């Protein structure tokens, strides 16, 4: 017959081991949670920066594609002017109908 004190002692050791394992698991999960939250915040900051850059690129694209801007740059840098009516030639593709 086992000793009553020995059974209690082995149960106490098992309980203590389970308690220790549970405490370690809690610490590990809390650490993972904090690391995941820090990563989430970093990714959200990166997302916000990319959204800001995207907005700036859209604005820049709109600026460069404005007809007045294209006309001004063509006139200033390439010395292009609107041709006189007698300098304009109409080119038609073969098989294309029309007046």
N, C-alpha and C. Protein backbone atom coordinates (compact mmCIF):
# COMPACT_ATOMS: atom_id res chain seq x y z
N UNK A 1 0.84 -1.18 0.00
CA UNK A 1 0.00 0.00 0.00
C UNK A 1 0.89 1.25 0.00
N UNK A 2 0.59 2.22 -0.94
CA UNK A 2 1.44 3.41 -1.00
C UNK A 2 1.22 4.30 0.22
N UNK A 3 2.25 5.04 0.52
CA UNK A 3 2.16 5.97 1.65
C UNK A 3 1.24 7.12 1.27
N UNK A 4 0.39 7.58 2.17
CA UNK A 4 -0.48 8.71 1.87
C UNK A 4 0.33 9.98 1.60
N UNK A 5 1.41 10.17 2.26
CA UNK A 5 2.22 11.36 2.05
C UNK A 5 2.93 11.33 0.71
N UNK A 6 3.34 10.14 0.26
CA UNK A 6 4.03 9.99 -1.02
C UNK A 6 3.11 10.26 -2.19
N UNK A 7 1.86 9.83 -2.07
CA UNK A 7 0.87 10.09 -3.13
C UNK A 7 0.57 11.58 -3.23
N UNK A 8 0.43 12.19 -2.07
CA UNK A 8 0.16 13.63 -2.04
C UNK A 8 1.35 14.40 -2.63
N UNK A 9 2.53 13.93 -2.29
CA UNK A 9 3.74 14.59 -2.78
C UNK A 9 3.85 14.47 -4.30
N UNK A 10 3.58 13.31 -4.87
CA UNK A 10 3.67 13.13 -6.32
C UNK A 10 2.58 13.94 -7.03
N UNK A 11 1.40 14.01 -6.42
CA UNK A 11 0.34 14.85 -7.02
C UNK A 11 0.73 16.33 -6.98
N UNK A 12 1.35 16.72 -5.89
CA UNK A 12 1.79 18.10 -5.77
C UNK A 12 2.87 18.42 -6.80
N UNK A 13 3.77 17.48 -7.04
CA UNK A 13 4.81 17.68 -8.06
C UNK A 13 4.20 17.78 -9.46
N UNK A 14 3.23 16.93 -9.76
CA UNK A 14 2.56 16.99 -11.07
C UNK A 14 1.83 18.32 -11.20
N UNK A 15 1.13 18.72 -10.15
CA UNK A 15 0.42 20.00 -10.17
C UNK A 15 1.39 21.16 -10.38
N UNK A 16 2.52 21.12 -9.66
CA UNK A 16 3.52 22.18 -9.81
C UNK A 16 4.09 22.21 -11.22
N UNK A 17 4.35 21.06 -11.80
CA UNK A 17 4.87 20.99 -13.17
C UNK A 17 3.85 21.54 -14.17
N UNK A 18 2.58 21.19 -13.97
CA UNK A 18 1.53 21.73 -14.84
C UNK A 18 1.39 23.24 -14.68
N UNK A 19 1.50 23.71 -13.44
CA UNK A 19 1.42 25.14 -13.17
C UNK A 19 2.58 25.88 -13.83
N UNK A 20 3.77 25.31 -13.74
CA UNK A 20 4.95 25.91 -14.36
C UNK A 20 4.82 25.93 -15.88
N UNK A 21 4.36 24.83 -16.46
CA UNK A 21 4.16 24.78 -17.91
C UNK A 21 3.11 25.79 -18.36
N UNK A 22 2.06 25.93 -17.57
CA UNK A 22 1.01 26.90 -17.89
C UNK A 22 1.56 28.33 -17.83
N UNK A 23 2.36 28.62 -16.82
CA UNK A 23 2.94 29.96 -16.68
C UNK A 23 3.87 30.27 -17.85
N UNK A 24 4.68 29.29 -18.23
CA UNK A 24 5.58 29.49 -19.37
C UNK A 24 4.79 29.71 -20.65
N UNK A 25 3.70 28.97 -20.83
CA UNK A 25 2.86 29.14 -22.02
C UNK A 25 2.23 30.53 -22.05
N UNK A 26 1.80 31.03 -20.88
CA UNK A 26 1.21 32.37 -20.81
C UNK A 26 2.24 33.42 -21.19
N UNK A 27 3.45 33.29 -20.67
CA UNK A 27 4.51 34.25 -20.99
C UNK A 27 4.84 34.20 -22.48
N UNK A 28 4.94 33.00 -23.03
CA UNK A 28 5.24 32.84 -24.46
C UNK A 28 4.15 33.47 -25.32
N UNK A 29 2.90 33.20 -25.00
CA UNK A 29 1.79 33.76 -25.78
C UNK A 29 1.72 35.28 -25.66
N UNK A 30 1.99 35.79 -24.48
CA UNK A 30 1.98 37.24 -24.31
C UNK A 30 3.10 37.88 -25.14
N UNK A 31 4.26 37.25 -25.16
CA UNK A 31 5.38 37.75 -25.98
C UNK A 31 5.01 37.72 -27.46
N UNK A 32 4.44 36.62 -27.93
CA UNK A 32 4.02 36.52 -29.33
C UNK A 32 2.96 37.57 -29.66
N UNK A 33 2.06 37.80 -28.72
CA UNK A 33 1.01 38.80 -28.93
C UNK A 33 1.61 40.19 -29.09
N UNK A 34 2.55 40.52 -28.22
CA UNK A 34 3.19 41.85 -28.31
C UNK A 34 4.00 41.99 -29.60
N UNK A 35 4.71 40.94 -29.97
CA UNK A 35 5.49 40.97 -31.22
C UNK A 35 4.56 41.12 -32.43
N UNK A 36 3.45 40.41 -32.41
CA UNK A 36 2.49 40.51 -33.51
C UNK A 36 1.88 41.90 -33.59
N UNK A 37 1.59 42.49 -32.44
CA UNK A 37 1.02 43.83 -32.42
C UNK A 37 2.03 44.85 -32.94
N UNK A 38 3.29 44.70 -32.55
CA UNK A 38 4.33 45.61 -33.06
C UNK A 38 4.47 45.47 -34.57
N UNK A 39 4.42 44.25 -35.06
CA UNK A 39 4.49 44.01 -36.52
C UNK A 39 3.29 44.62 -37.22
N UNK A 40 2.10 44.48 -36.61
CA UNK A 40 0.89 45.07 -37.17
C UNK A 40 1.02 46.58 -37.28
N UNK A 41 1.53 47.22 -36.23
CA UNK A 41 1.70 48.67 -36.26
C UNK A 41 2.70 49.09 -37.33
N UNK A 42 3.78 48.33 -37.48
CA UNK A 42 4.77 48.65 -38.51
C UNK A 42 4.17 48.51 -39.90
N UNK A 43 3.38 47.47 -40.11
CA UNK A 43 2.75 47.27 -41.42
C UNK A 43 1.70 48.35 -41.70
N UNK A 44 0.98 48.78 -40.68
CA UNK A 44 0.01 49.86 -40.87
C UNK A 44 0.71 51.17 -41.20
N UNK A 45 1.84 51.43 -40.56
CA UNK A 45 2.61 52.64 -40.88
C UNK A 45 3.13 52.58 -42.31
N UNK A 46 3.60 51.40 -42.72
CA UNK A 46 4.08 51.23 -44.10
C UNK A 46 2.93 51.43 -45.09
N UNK A 47 1.74 50.87 -44.76
CA UNK A 47 0.57 51.04 -45.62
C UNK A 47 0.22 52.52 -45.76
N UNK A 48 0.24 53.25 -44.65
CA UNK A 48 -0.09 54.68 -44.70
C UNK A 48 0.92 55.45 -45.55
N UNK A 49 2.20 55.11 -45.41
CA UNK A 49 3.23 55.78 -46.21
C UNK A 49 3.05 55.47 -47.69
N UNK A 50 2.73 54.22 -48.01
CA UNK A 50 2.51 53.86 -49.41
C UNK A 50 1.26 54.53 -49.97
N UNK A 51 0.21 54.66 -49.17
CA UNK A 51 -0.99 55.37 -49.62
C UNK A 51 -0.69 56.84 -49.89
N UNK A 52 0.12 57.45 -49.03
CA UNK A 52 0.51 58.84 -49.24
C UNK A 52 1.31 58.99 -50.52
N UNK A 53 2.28 58.09 -50.72
CA UNK A 53 3.09 58.13 -51.94
C UNK A 53 2.22 57.91 -53.18
N UNK A 54 1.26 56.99 -53.11
CA UNK A 54 0.35 56.72 -54.23
C UNK A 54 -0.44 57.98 -54.58
N UNK A 55 -0.94 58.67 -53.56
CA UNK A 55 -1.68 59.91 -53.80
C UNK A 55 -0.80 60.96 -54.47
N UNK A 56 0.43 61.07 -54.02
CA UNK A 56 1.35 62.04 -54.62
C UNK A 56 1.67 61.67 -56.07
N UNK A 57 1.82 60.38 -56.34
CA UNK A 57 2.09 59.95 -57.71
C UNK A 57 0.90 60.21 -58.62
N UNK A 58 -0.32 60.01 -58.11
CA UNK A 58 -1.51 60.31 -58.91
C UNK A 58 -1.59 61.80 -59.22
N UNK A 59 -1.27 62.62 -58.22
CA UNK A 59 -1.29 64.06 -58.43
C UNK A 59 -0.22 64.47 -59.45
N UNK A 60 0.96 63.88 -59.35
CA UNK A 60 2.03 64.18 -60.31
C UNK A 60 1.63 63.74 -61.72
N UNK A 61 1.02 62.57 -61.83
CA UNK A 61 0.58 62.09 -63.14
C UNK A 61 -0.46 63.04 -63.74
N UNK A 62 -1.38 63.49 -62.92
CA UNK A 62 -2.40 64.42 -63.40
C UNK A 62 -1.77 65.73 -63.86
N UNK A 63 -0.75 66.19 -63.12
CA UNK A 63 -0.07 67.44 -63.49
C UNK A 63 0.65 67.29 -64.83
N UNK A 64 1.37 66.19 -65.00
CA UNK A 64 2.13 66.00 -66.23
C UNK A 64 1.25 65.74 -67.43
N UNK A 65 0.06 65.25 -67.21
CA UNK A 65 -0.79 64.91 -68.36
C UNK A 65 -1.72 66.05 -68.77
N UNK A 66 -1.66 67.16 -68.10
CA UNK A 66 -2.51 68.28 -68.49
C UNK A 66 -2.07 68.80 -69.86
N UNK A 67 -3.04 69.05 -70.70
CA UNK A 67 -2.74 69.49 -72.07
C UNK A 67 -1.98 70.81 -72.09
N UNK A 68 -2.34 71.72 -71.23
CA UNK A 68 -1.64 73.01 -71.21
C UNK A 68 -0.17 72.81 -70.86
N UNK A 69 0.09 71.92 -69.94
CA UNK A 69 1.48 71.66 -69.53
C UNK A 69 2.25 71.04 -70.69
N UNK A 70 1.65 70.08 -71.36
CA UNK A 70 2.30 69.44 -72.51
C UNK A 70 2.57 70.46 -73.61
N UNK A 71 1.60 71.31 -73.87
CA UNK A 71 1.76 72.35 -74.90
C UNK A 71 2.87 73.32 -74.52
N UNK A 72 2.91 73.73 -73.26
CA UNK A 72 3.93 74.68 -72.82
C UNK A 72 5.33 74.07 -72.90
N UNK A 73 5.47 72.81 -72.50
CA UNK A 73 6.78 72.16 -72.56
C UNK A 73 7.20 71.96 -74.01
N UNK A 74 6.27 71.58 -74.88
CA UNK A 74 6.59 71.39 -76.30
C UNK A 74 7.05 72.69 -76.93
N UNK A 75 6.40 73.77 -76.58
CA UNK A 75 6.80 75.07 -77.14
C UNK A 75 8.13 75.54 -76.57
N UNK A 76 8.35 75.37 -75.27
CA UNK A 76 9.55 75.89 -74.63
C UNK A 76 10.79 75.03 -74.92
N UNK A 77 10.70 73.74 -74.69
CA UNK A 77 11.89 72.89 -74.81
C UNK A 77 12.15 72.42 -76.23
N UNK A 78 11.09 72.17 -76.99
CA UNK A 78 11.26 71.61 -78.33
C UNK A 78 11.01 72.63 -79.43
N UNK A 79 10.77 73.86 -79.05
CA UNK A 79 10.45 74.96 -79.98
C UNK A 79 9.41 74.52 -81.01
N UNK A 80 8.36 73.88 -80.56
CA UNK A 80 7.28 73.45 -81.44
C UNK A 80 6.21 74.52 -81.46
N UNK A 81 5.61 74.72 -82.61
CA UNK A 81 4.51 75.66 -82.78
C UNK A 81 3.40 74.96 -83.53
N UNK A 82 2.22 75.56 -83.48
CA UNK A 82 1.09 75.04 -84.24
C UNK A 82 1.37 75.31 -85.72
N UNK A 83 1.24 74.30 -86.59
CA UNK A 83 1.53 74.52 -88.02
C UNK A 83 0.46 75.40 -88.66
N UNK A 84 0.86 76.09 -89.72
CA UNK A 84 -0.09 76.89 -90.50
C UNK A 84 -1.00 75.93 -91.27
N UNK A 85 -2.20 76.35 -91.60
CA UNK A 85 -3.13 75.47 -92.31
C UNK A 85 -2.55 74.91 -93.61
N UNK A 86 -1.72 75.67 -94.33
CA UNK A 86 -1.17 75.15 -95.59
C UNK A 86 -0.06 74.12 -95.35
N UNK A 87 0.42 73.99 -94.11
CA UNK A 87 1.45 73.00 -93.79
C UNK A 87 0.84 71.67 -93.32
N UNK A 88 -0.46 71.64 -93.12
CA UNK A 88 -1.13 70.43 -92.62
C UNK A 88 -1.48 69.53 -93.79
N UNK A 89 -1.11 68.26 -93.72
CA UNK A 89 -1.42 67.28 -94.76
C UNK A 89 -2.27 66.17 -94.14
N UNK A 90 -3.29 65.75 -94.84
CA UNK A 90 -4.16 64.68 -94.39
C UNK A 90 -3.63 63.37 -94.93
N UNK A 91 -3.43 62.38 -94.10
CA UNK A 91 -2.93 61.08 -94.51
C UNK A 91 -4.04 60.07 -94.27
N UNK A 92 -4.37 59.31 -95.32
CA UNK A 92 -5.42 58.29 -95.19
C UNK A 92 -4.80 56.92 -95.39
N UNK A 93 -5.32 55.97 -94.68
CA UNK A 93 -4.87 54.59 -94.83
C UNK A 93 -5.60 53.96 -96.00
N UNK A 94 -4.95 52.99 -96.66
CA UNK A 94 -5.60 52.31 -97.77
C UNK A 94 -6.82 51.56 -97.27
N UNK A 95 -7.88 51.56 -98.07
CA UNK A 95 -9.10 50.86 -97.71
C UNK A 95 -9.99 51.64 -96.77
N UNK A 96 -9.57 52.82 -96.40
CA UNK A 96 -10.38 53.64 -95.50
C UNK A 96 -11.27 54.52 -96.35
N UNK A 97 -12.53 54.44 -96.11
CA UNK A 97 -13.47 55.27 -96.88
C UNK A 97 -13.57 56.65 -96.27
N UNK A 98 -14.33 57.45 -96.90
CA UNK A 98 -14.54 58.79 -96.36
C UNK A 98 -14.68 59.82 -97.45
N UNK A 99 -14.96 61.02 -97.09
CA UNK A 99 -15.15 62.09 -98.09
C UNK A 99 -13.89 62.52 -98.78
